[in-house]
């Protein structure tokens, strides 16, 4: 219930920043989100990342766009996983 209350507060623009975990991969609709920042790691599938990206890139009521950032630690295994996911997303037209 607390989670839904926070989602609604974000939708209603009562709060401007919402931090979510992997739970946001499914069953969340935040169409007015303008920025998504993902902390990368060797977890999750390419399809899950595509789903997160798709949620953020939905058309906005004001016609504006959205940005999707991935934070990756340099010279780590995370960098390789992120590169593979990025190639997949490019192949899918994102």
PDB file of N, CA and C in Angstrom:
ATOM      1  N   UNK A   1       0.818  -1.197   0.000  1.00  0.00           N
ATOM      2  CA  UNK A   1       0.000   0.000   0.000  1.00  0.00           C
ATOM      3  C   UNK A   1       0.860   1.259   0.000  1.00  0.00           C
ATOM      4  N   UNK A   2       1.959   1.231   0.739  1.00  0.00           N
ATOM      5  CA  UNK A   2       2.858   2.381   0.764  1.00  0.00           C
ATOM      6  C   UNK A   2       3.457   2.616  -0.623  1.00  0.00           C
ATOM      7  N   UNK A   3       3.801   1.530  -1.288  1.00  0.00           N
ATOM      8  CA  UNK A   3       4.369   1.636  -2.634  1.00  0.00           C
ATOM      9  C   UNK A   3       3.374   2.309  -3.573  1.00  0.00           C
ATOM     10  N   UNK A   4       2.137   1.878  -3.556  1.00  0.00           N
ATOM     11  CA  UNK A   4       1.121   2.468  -4.437  1.00  0.00           C
ATOM     12  C   UNK A   4       0.882   3.936  -4.102  1.00  0.00           C
ATOM     13  N   UNK A   5       0.929   4.266  -2.815  1.00  0.00           N
ATOM     14  CA  UNK A   5       0.753   5.661  -2.408  1.00  0.00           C
ATOM     15  C   UNK A   5       1.875   6.528  -2.993  1.00  0.00           C
ATOM     16  N   UNK A   6       3.102   6.013  -2.946  1.00  0.00           N
ATOM     17  CA  UNK A   6       4.236   6.756  -3.507  1.00  0.00           C
ATOM     18  C   UNK A   6       4.133   6.874  -5.026  1.00  0.00           C
ATOM     19  N   UNK A   7       3.727   5.800  -5.691  1.00  0.00           N
ATOM     20  CA  UNK A   7       3.547   5.867  -7.148  1.00  0.00           C
ATOM     21  C   UNK A   7       2.533   6.950  -7.501  1.00  0.00           C
ATOM     22  N   UNK A   8       1.425   6.974  -6.765  1.00  0.00           N
ATOM     23  CA  UNK A   8       0.381   7.955  -7.053  1.00  0.00           C
ATOM     24  C   UNK A   8       0.864   9.373  -6.764  1.00  0.00           C
ATOM     25  N   UNK A   9       1.620   9.551  -5.696  1.00  0.00           N
ATOM     26  CA  UNK A   9       2.166  10.877  -5.385  1.00  0.00           C
ATOM     27  C   UNK A   9       3.093  11.345  -6.505  1.00  0.00           C
ATOM     28  N   UNK A  10       3.848  10.425  -7.088  1.00  0.00           N
ATOM     29  CA  UNK A  10       4.713  10.772  -8.212  1.00  0.00           C
ATOM     30  C   UNK A  10       3.867  11.148  -9.427  1.00  0.00           C
ATOM     31  N   UNK A  11       2.849  10.354  -9.716  1.00  0.00           N
ATOM     32  CA  UNK A  11       1.965  10.658 -10.855  1.00  0.00           C
ATOM     33  C   UNK A  11       1.296  12.025 -10.691  1.00  0.00           C
ATOM     34  N   UNK A  12       0.921  12.333  -9.438  1.00  0.00           N
ATOM     35  CA  UNK A  12       0.230  13.596  -9.151  1.00  0.00           C
ATOM     36  C   UNK A  12       1.188  14.771  -8.985  1.00  0.00           C
ATOM     37  N   UNK A  13       2.483  14.499  -9.168  1.00  0.00           N
ATOM     38  CA  UNK A  13       3.532  15.519  -9.075  1.00  0.00           C
ATOM     39  C   UNK A  13       3.652  16.114  -7.677  1.00  0.00           C
ATOM     40  N   UNK A  14       3.239  15.332  -6.674  1.00  0.00           N
ATOM     41  CA  UNK A  14       3.443  15.741  -5.287  1.00  0.00           C
ATOM     42  C   UNK A  14       4.899  15.507  -4.894  1.00  0.00           C
ATOM     43  N   UNK A  15       5.529  14.507  -5.505  1.00  0.00           N
ATOM     44  CA  UNK A  15       6.957  14.263  -5.332  1.00  0.00           C
ATOM     45  C   UNK A  15       7.574  14.206  -6.723  1.00  0.00           C
ATOM     46  N   UNK A  16       8.823  14.647  -6.837  1.00  0.00           N
ATOM     47  CA  UNK A  16       9.458  14.720  -8.151  1.00  0.00           C
ATOM     48  C   UNK A  16      10.470  13.622  -8.407  1.00  0.00           C
ATOM     49  N   UNK A  17      10.884  12.933  -7.358  1.00  0.00           N
ATOM     50  CA  UNK A  17      11.874  11.871  -7.500  1.00  0.00           C
ATOM     51  C   UNK A  17      11.317  10.610  -6.867  1.00  0.00           C
ATOM     52  N   UNK A  18      11.448   9.512  -7.582  1.00  0.00           N
ATOM     53  CA  UNK A  18      10.988   8.222  -7.085  1.00  0.00           C
ATOM     54  C   UNK A  18      12.093   7.213  -7.328  1.00  0.00           C
ATOM     55  N   UNK A  19      12.552   6.579  -6.270  1.00  0.00           N
ATOM     56  CA  UNK A  19      13.587   5.553  -6.373  1.00  0.00           C
ATOM     57  C   UNK A  19      12.895   4.209  -6.256  1.00  0.00           C
ATOM     58  N   UNK A  20      13.112   3.358  -7.253  1.00  0.00           N
ATOM     59  CA  UNK A  20      12.470   2.043  -7.253  1.00  0.00           C
ATOM     60  C   UNK A  20      13.513   0.959  -7.466  1.00  0.00           C
ATOM     61  N   UNK A  21      13.150  -0.229  -7.095  1.00  0.00           N
ATOM     62  CA  UNK A  21      14.026  -1.382  -7.287  1.00  0.00           C
ATOM     63  C   UNK A  21      13.534  -2.165  -8.496  1.00  0.00           C
ATOM     64  N   UNK A  22      13.971  -3.380  -8.572  1.00  0.00           N
ATOM     65  CA  UNK A  22      13.574  -4.255  -9.679  1.00  0.00           C
ATOM     66  C   UNK A  22      12.060  -4.453  -9.735  1.00  0.00           C
ATOM     67  N   UNK A  23      11.375  -4.138  -8.657  1.00  0.00           N
ATOM     68  CA  UNK A  23       9.922  -4.266  -8.629  1.00  0.00           C
ATOM     69  C   UNK A  23       9.279  -3.407  -9.721  1.00  0.00           C
ATOM     70  N   UNK A  24       9.970  -2.371 -10.155  1.00  0.00           N
ATOM     71  CA  UNK A  24       9.427  -1.492 -11.193  1.00  0.00           C
ATOM     72  C   UNK A  24       9.461  -2.117 -12.583  1.00  0.00           C
ATOM     73  N   UNK A  25      10.050  -3.298 -12.705  1.00  0.00           N
ATOM     74  CA  UNK A  25      10.065  -3.966 -14.009  1.00  0.00           C
ATOM     75  C   UNK A  25       8.663  -4.353 -14.458  1.00  0.00           C
ATOM     76  N   UNK A  26       7.788  -4.569 -13.515  1.00  0.00           N
ATOM     77  CA  UNK A  26       6.458  -5.086 -13.820  1.00  0.00           C
ATOM     78  C   UNK A  26       5.396  -4.288 -13.071  1.00  0.00           C
ATOM     79  N   UNK A  27       4.253  -4.185 -13.673  1.00  0.00           N
ATOM     80  CA  UNK A  27       3.062  -3.647 -13.014  1.00  0.00           C
ATOM     81  C   UNK A  27       3.228  -2.243 -12.465  1.00  0.00           C
ATOM     82  N   UNK A  28       3.933  -1.405 -13.163  1.00  0.00           N
ATOM     83  CA  UNK A  28       4.036  -0.008 -12.745  1.00  0.00           C
ATOM     84  C   UNK A  28       3.832   0.856 -13.980  1.00  0.00           C
ATOM     85  N   UNK A  29       3.058   1.905 -13.809  1.00  0.00           N
ATOM     86  CA  UNK A  29       2.801   2.813 -14.916  1.00  0.00           C
ATOM     87  C   UNK A  29       3.094   4.228 -14.436  1.00  0.00           C
ATOM     88  N   UNK A  30       4.171   4.784 -14.920  1.00  0.00           N
ATOM     89  CA  UNK A  30       4.565   6.151 -14.575  1.00  0.00           C
ATOM     90  C   UNK A  30       4.806   6.919 -15.872  1.00  0.00           C
ATOM     91  N   UNK A  31       3.747   7.187 -16.613  1.00  0.00           N
ATOM     92  CA  UNK A  31       3.901   7.734 -17.961  1.00  0.00           C
ATOM     93  C   UNK A  31       4.567   9.101 -18.028  1.00  0.00           C
ATOM     94  N   UNK A  32       4.517   9.882 -16.964  1.00  0.00           N
ATOM     95  CA  UNK A  32       5.104  11.215 -17.021  1.00  0.00           C
ATOM     96  C   UNK A  32       6.555  11.259 -16.562  1.00  0.00           C
ATOM     97  N   UNK A  33       7.133  10.105 -16.230  1.00  0.00           N
ATOM     98  CA  UNK A  33       8.543  10.090 -15.828  1.00  0.00           C
ATOM     99  C   UNK A  33       9.393  10.577 -16.996  1.00  0.00           C
ATOM    100  N   UNK A  34      10.247  11.556 -16.725  1.00  0.00           N
ATOM    101  CA  UNK A  34      11.068  12.139 -17.783  1.00  0.00           C
ATOM    102  C   UNK A  34      12.489  11.591 -17.789  1.00  0.00           C
ATOM    103  N   UNK A  35      12.940  11.055 -16.664  1.00  0.00           N
ATOM    104  CA  UNK A  35      14.300  10.536 -16.551  1.00  0.00           C
ATOM    105  C   UNK A  35      14.265   9.235 -15.764  1.00  0.00           C
ATOM    106  N   UNK A  36      14.973   8.241 -16.268  1.00  0.00           N
ATOM    107  CA  UNK A  36      15.174   6.989 -15.533  1.00  0.00           C
ATOM    108  C   UNK A  36      16.674   6.770 -15.438  1.00  0.00           C
ATOM    109  N   UNK A  37      17.144   6.469 -14.246  1.00  0.00           N
ATOM    110  CA  UNK A  37      18.559   6.174 -14.036  1.00  0.00           C
ATOM    111  C   UNK A  37      18.642   4.770 -13.479  1.00  0.00           C
ATOM    112  N   UNK A  38      19.300   3.920 -14.211  1.00  0.00           N
ATOM    113  CA  UNK A  38      19.444   2.519 -13.829  1.00  0.00           C
ATOM    114  C   UNK A  38      20.871   2.294 -13.352  1.00  0.00           C
ATOM    115  N   UNK A  39      21.012   1.689 -12.186  1.00  0.00           N
ATOM    116  CA  UNK A  39      22.340   1.311 -11.714  1.00  0.00           C
ATOM    117  C   UNK A  39      22.592  -0.075 -12.264  1.00  0.00           C
ATOM    118  N   UNK A  40      23.612  -0.189 -13.094  1.00  0.00           N
ATOM    119  CA  UNK A  40      23.849  -1.423 -13.828  1.00  0.00           C
ATOM    120  C   UNK A  40      24.444  -2.502 -12.949  1.00  0.00           C
ATOM    121  N   UNK A  41      24.303  -3.712 -13.426  1.00  0.00           N
ATOM    122  CA  UNK A  41      24.877  -4.874 -12.776  1.00  0.00           C
ATOM    123  C   UNK A  41      24.659  -6.082 -13.661  1.00  0.00           C
ATOM    124  N   UNK A  42      25.278  -7.198 -13.349  1.00  0.00           N
ATOM    125  CA  UNK A  42      25.139  -8.389 -14.183  1.00  0.00           C
ATOM    126  C   UNK A  42      23.852  -9.154 -13.888  1.00  0.00           C
ATOM    127  N   UNK A  43      22.811  -8.448 -13.515  1.00  0.00           N
ATOM    128  CA  UNK A  43      21.551  -9.082 -13.154  1.00  0.00           C
ATOM    129  C   UNK A  43      20.471  -8.651 -14.132  1.00  0.00           C
ATOM    130  N   UNK A  44      19.423  -9.409 -14.194  1.00  0.00           N
ATOM    131  CA  UNK A  44      18.323  -9.057 -15.077  1.00  0.00           C
ATOM    132  C   UNK A  44      18.613  -9.425 -16.518  1.00  0.00           C
ATOM    133  N   UNK A  45      17.567  -9.609 -17.252  1.00  0.00           N
ATOM    134  CA  UNK A  45      17.701 -10.006 -18.648  1.00  0.00           C
ATOM    135  C   UNK A  45      17.654  -8.790 -19.562  1.00  0.00           C
ATOM    136  N   UNK A  46      18.025  -9.013 -20.798  1.00  0.00           N
ATOM    137  CA  UNK A  46      17.936  -7.943 -21.792  1.00  0.00           C
ATOM    138  C   UNK A  46      16.482  -7.533 -21.984  1.00  0.00           C
ATOM    139  N   UNK A  47      15.581  -8.512 -21.922  1.00  0.00           N
ATOM    140  CA  UNK A  47      14.169  -8.204 -22.085  1.00  0.00           C
ATOM    141  C   UNK A  47      13.661  -7.325 -20.941  1.00  0.00           C
ATOM    142  N   UNK A  48      14.160  -7.574 -19.721  1.00  0.00           N
ATOM    143  CA  UNK A  48      13.754  -6.735 -18.593  1.00  0.00           C
ATOM    144  C   UNK A  48      14.223  -5.297 -18.792  1.00  0.00           C
ATOM    145  N   UNK A  49      15.431  -5.142 -19.289  1.00  0.00           N
ATOM    146  CA  UNK A  49      15.928  -3.790 -19.542  1.00  0.00           C
ATOM    147  C   UNK A  49      15.111  -3.126 -20.645  1.00  0.00           C
ATOM    148  N   UNK A  50      14.767  -3.863 -21.669  1.00  0.00           N
ATOM    149  CA  UNK A  50      13.929  -3.311 -22.739  1.00  0.00           C
ATOM    150  C   UNK A  50      12.579  -2.883 -22.179  1.00  0.00           C
ATOM    151  N   UNK A  51      12.046  -3.659 -21.248  1.00  0.00           N
ATOM    152  CA  UNK A  51      10.768  -3.310 -20.637  1.00  0.00           C
ATOM    153  C   UNK A  51      10.898  -2.024 -19.822  1.00  0.00           C
ATOM    154  N   UNK A  52      11.974  -1.897 -19.041  1.00  0.00           N
ATOM    155  CA  UNK A  52      12.195  -0.666 -18.273  1.00  0.00           C
ATOM    156  C   UNK A  52      12.327   0.529 -19.214  1.00  0.00           C
ATOM    157  N   UNK A  53      13.074   0.355 -20.274  1.00  0.00           N
ATOM    158  CA  UNK A  53      13.276   1.424 -21.239  1.00  0.00           C
ATOM    159  C   UNK A  53      11.950   1.814 -21.889  1.00  0.00           C
ATOM    160  N   UNK A  54      11.177   0.814 -22.274  1.00  0.00           N
ATOM    161  CA  UNK A  54       9.886   1.078 -22.898  1.00  0.00           C
ATOM    162  C   UNK A  54       8.935   1.832 -21.994  1.00  0.00           C
ATOM    163  N   UNK A  55       8.984   1.533 -20.710  1.00  0.00           N
ATOM    164  CA  UNK A  55       8.127   2.248 -19.759  1.00  0.00           C
ATOM    165  C   UNK A  55       8.476   3.732 -19.723  1.00  0.00           C
ATOM    166  N   UNK A  56       9.748   4.038 -19.804  1.00  0.00           N
ATOM    167  CA  UNK A  56      10.171   5.436 -19.745  1.00  0.00           C
ATOM    168  C   UNK A  56       9.971   6.197 -21.033  1.00  0.00           C
ATOM    169  N   UNK A  57       9.955   5.495 -22.147  1.00  0.00           N
ATOM    170  CA  UNK A  57       9.853   6.171 -23.437  1.00  0.00           C
ATOM    171  C   UNK A  57       8.423   6.298 -23.948  1.00  0.00           C
ATOM    172  N   UNK A  58       7.466   5.998 -23.109  1.00  0.00           N
ATOM    173  CA  UNK A  58       6.071   6.165 -23.529  1.00  0.00           C
ATOM    174  C   UNK A  58       5.808   7.638 -23.853  1.00  0.00           C
ATOM    175  N   UNK A  59       4.883   7.877 -24.781  1.00  0.00           N
ATOM    176  CA  UNK A  59       4.571   9.269 -25.134  1.00  0.00           C
ATOM    177  C   UNK A  59       4.120  10.063 -23.909  1.00  0.00           C
ATOM    178  N   UNK A  60       4.559  11.306 -23.825  1.00  0.00           N
ATOM    179  CA  UNK A  60       4.213  12.189 -22.714  1.00  0.00           C
ATOM    180  C   UNK A  60       3.055  13.086 -23.113  1.00  0.00           C
ATOM    181  N   UNK A  61       2.249  13.462 -22.138  1.00  0.00           N
ATOM    182  CA  UNK A  61       1.087  14.307 -22.399  1.00  0.00           C
ATOM    183  C   UNK A  61       1.492  15.641 -23.017  1.00  0.00           C
ATOM    184  N   UNK A  62       2.666  16.149 -22.630  1.00  0.00           N
ATOM    185  CA  UNK A  62       3.104  17.440 -23.155  1.00  0.00           C
ATOM    186  C   UNK A  62       3.890  17.314 -24.457  1.00  0.00           C
ATOM    187  N   UNK A  63       4.002  16.086 -24.979  1.00  0.00           N
ATOM    188  CA  UNK A  63       4.729  15.857 -26.219  1.00  0.00           C
ATOM    189  C   UNK A  63       6.228  15.746 -26.038  1.00  0.00           C
ATOM    190  N   UNK A  64       6.705  15.918 -24.815  1.00  0.00           N
ATOM    191  CA  UNK A  64       8.138  15.838 -24.536  1.00  0.00           C
ATOM    192  C   UNK A  64       8.645  14.408 -24.546  1.00  0.00           C
ATOM    193  N   UNK A  65       9.934  14.271 -24.417  1.00  0.00           N
ATOM    194  CA  UNK A  65      10.567  12.961 -24.421  1.00  0.00           C
ATOM    195  C   UNK A  65      11.060  12.568 -23.042  1.00  0.00           C
ATOM    196  N   UNK A  66      11.808  11.499 -23.013  1.00  0.00           N
ATOM    197  CA  UNK A  66      12.374  10.992 -21.766  1.00  0.00           C
ATOM    198  C   UNK A  66      13.813  10.569 -22.010  1.00  0.00           C
ATOM    199  N   UNK A  67      14.568  10.493 -20.952  1.00  0.00           N
ATOM    200  CA  UNK A  67      15.965  10.050 -21.013  1.00  0.00           C
ATOM    201  C   UNK A  67      16.125   8.831 -20.123  1.00  0.00           C
ATOM    202  N   UNK A  68      16.960   7.899 -20.591  1.00  0.00           N
ATOM    203  CA  UNK A  68      17.233   6.660 -19.860  1.00  0.00           C
ATOM    204  C   UNK A  68      18.742   6.536 -19.731  1.00  0.00           C
ATOM    205  N   UNK A  69      19.239   6.556 -18.509  1.00  0.00           N
ATOM    206  CA  UNK A  69      20.675   6.472 -18.258  1.00  0.00           C
ATOM    207  C   UNK A  69      20.990   5.176 -17.521  1.00  0.00           C
ATOM    208  N   UNK A  70      22.143   4.619 -17.814  1.00  0.00           N
ATOM    209  CA  UNK A  70      22.642   3.460 -17.085  1.00  0.00           C
ATOM    210  C   UNK A  70      23.993   3.823 -16.492  1.00  0.00           C
ATOM    211  N   UNK A  71      24.121   3.659 -15.185  1.00  0.00           N
ATOM    212  CA  UNK A  71      25.378   3.926 -14.493  1.00  0.00           C
ATOM    213  C   UNK A  71      26.137   2.609 -14.402  1.00  0.00           C
ATOM    214  N   UNK A  72      27.362   2.618 -14.924  1.00  0.00           N
ATOM    215  CA  UNK A  72      28.173   1.398 -14.975  1.00  0.00           C
ATOM    216  C   UNK A  72      29.564   1.706 -14.432  1.00  0.00           C
ATOM    217  N   UNK A  73      30.081   0.828 -13.598  1.00  0.00           N
ATOM    218  CA  UNK A  73      31.450   0.982 -13.093  1.00  0.00           C
ATOM    219  C   UNK A  73      32.436   0.570 -14.179  1.00  0.00           C
ATOM    220  N   UNK A  74      33.403   1.428 -14.437  1.00  0.00           N
ATOM    221  CA  UNK A  74      34.407   1.175 -15.458  1.00  0.00           C
ATOM    222  C   UNK A  74      35.319   0.017 -15.044  1.00  0.00           C
ATOM    223  N   UNK A  75      35.769  -0.730 -16.037  1.00  0.00           N
ATOM    224  CA  UNK A  75      36.712  -1.838 -15.842  1.00  0.00           C
ATOM    225  C   UNK A  75      36.183  -2.907 -14.892  1.00  0.00           C
ATOM    226  N   UNK A  76      34.901  -3.200 -15.004  1.00  0.00           N
ATOM    227  CA  UNK A  76      34.286  -4.269 -14.213  1.00  0.00           C
ATOM    228  C   UNK A  76      33.510  -5.183 -15.149  1.00  0.00           C
ATOM    229  N   UNK A  77      33.076  -6.300 -14.618  1.00  0.00           N
ATOM    230  CA  UNK A  77      32.250  -7.208 -15.410  1.00  0.00           C
ATOM    231  C   UNK A  77      30.931  -6.527 -15.783  1.00  0.00           C
ATOM    232  N   UNK A  78      30.483  -5.588 -14.944  1.00  0.00           N
ATOM    233  CA  UNK A  78      29.256  -4.848 -15.250  1.00  0.00           C
ATOM    234  C   UNK A  78      29.358  -4.126 -16.585  1.00  0.00           C
ATOM    235  N   UNK A  79      30.542  -3.627 -16.904  1.00  0.00           N
ATOM    236  CA  UNK A  79      30.731  -2.893 -18.156  1.00  0.00           C
ATOM    237  C   UNK A  79      30.465  -3.804 -19.352  1.00  0.00           C
ATOM    238  N   UNK A  80      30.923  -5.034 -19.277  1.00  0.00           N
ATOM    239  CA  UNK A  80      30.695  -5.983 -20.371  1.00  0.00           C
ATOM    240  C   UNK A  80      29.212  -6.332 -20.497  1.00  0.00           C
ATOM    241  N   UNK A  81      28.558  -6.602 -19.364  1.00  0.00           N
ATOM    242  CA  UNK A  81      27.125  -6.912 -19.403  1.00  0.00           C
ATOM    243  C   UNK A  81      26.340  -5.743 -19.988  1.00  0.00           C
ATOM    244  N   UNK A  82      26.677  -4.524 -19.566  1.00  0.00           N
ATOM    245  CA  UNK A  82      25.973  -3.344 -20.061  1.00  0.00           C
ATOM    246  C   UNK A  82      26.171  -3.176 -21.563  1.00  0.00           C
ATOM    247  N   UNK A  83      27.364  -3.457 -22.056  1.00  0.00           N
ATOM    248  CA  UNK A  83      27.631  -3.347 -23.493  1.00  0.00           C
ATOM    249  C   UNK A  83      26.786  -4.343 -24.277  1.00  0.00           C
ATOM    250  N   UNK A  84      26.648  -5.564 -23.764  1.00  0.00           N
ATOM    251  CA  UNK A  84      25.813  -6.573 -24.432  1.00  0.00           C
ATOM    252  C   UNK A  84      24.350  -6.131 -24.456  1.00  0.00           C
ATOM    253  N   UNK A  85      23.875  -5.613 -23.323  1.00  0.00           N
ATOM    254  CA  UNK A  85      22.481  -5.167 -23.267  1.00  0.00           C
ATOM    255  C   UNK A  85      22.259  -3.988 -24.209  1.00  0.00           C
ATOM    256  N   UNK A  86      23.228  -3.084 -24.275  1.00  0.00           N
ATOM    257  CA  UNK A  86      23.092  -1.928 -25.155  1.00  0.00           C
ATOM    258  C   UNK A  86      23.024  -2.361 -26.620  1.00  0.00           C
ATOM    259  N   UNK A  87      23.850  -3.325 -27.006  1.00  0.00           N
ATOM    260  CA  UNK A  87      23.798  -3.839 -28.388  1.00  0.00           C
ATOM    261  C   UNK A  87      22.428  -4.456 -28.673  1.00  0.00           C
ATOM    262  N   UNK A  88      21.925  -5.235 -27.729  1.00  0.00           N
ATOM    263  CA  UNK A  88      20.613  -5.855 -27.904  1.00  0.00           C
ATOM    264  C   UNK A  88      19.543  -4.786 -28.108  1.00  0.00           C
ATOM    265  N   UNK A  89      19.551  -3.759 -27.274  1.00  0.00           N
ATOM    266  CA  UNK A  89      18.547  -2.703 -27.392  1.00  0.00           C
ATOM    267  C   UNK A  89      18.650  -1.990 -28.734  1.00  0.00           C
ATOM    268  N   UNK A  90      19.858  -1.748 -29.194  1.00  0.00           N
ATOM    269  CA  UNK A  90      20.045  -1.112 -30.503  1.00  0.00           C
ATOM    270  C   UNK A  90      19.491  -2.000 -31.611  1.00  0.00           C
ATOM    271  N   UNK A  91      19.720  -3.307 -31.497  1.00  0.00           N
ATOM    272  CA  UNK A  91      19.195  -4.248 -32.496  1.00  0.00           C
ATOM    273  C   UNK A  91      17.669  -4.274 -32.487  1.00  0.00           C
ATOM    274  N   UNK A  92      17.073  -3.987 -31.328  1.00  0.00           N
ATOM    275  CA  UNK A  92      15.617  -3.987 -31.200  1.00  0.00           C
ATOM    276  C   UNK A  92      14.997  -2.643 -31.585  1.00  0.00           C
ATOM    277  N   UNK A  93      15.844  -1.684 -31.933  1.00  0.00           N
ATOM    278  CA  UNK A  93      15.337  -0.396 -32.387  1.00  0.00           C
ATOM    279  C   UNK A  93      15.171   0.655 -31.308  1.00  0.00           C
ATOM    280  N   UNK A  94      15.720   0.417 -30.137  1.00  0.00           N
ATOM    281  CA  UNK A  94      15.618   1.421 -29.064  1.00  0.00           C
ATOM    282  C   UNK A  94      16.673   2.477 -29.241  1.00  0.00           C
TER     283      UNK A  94
END
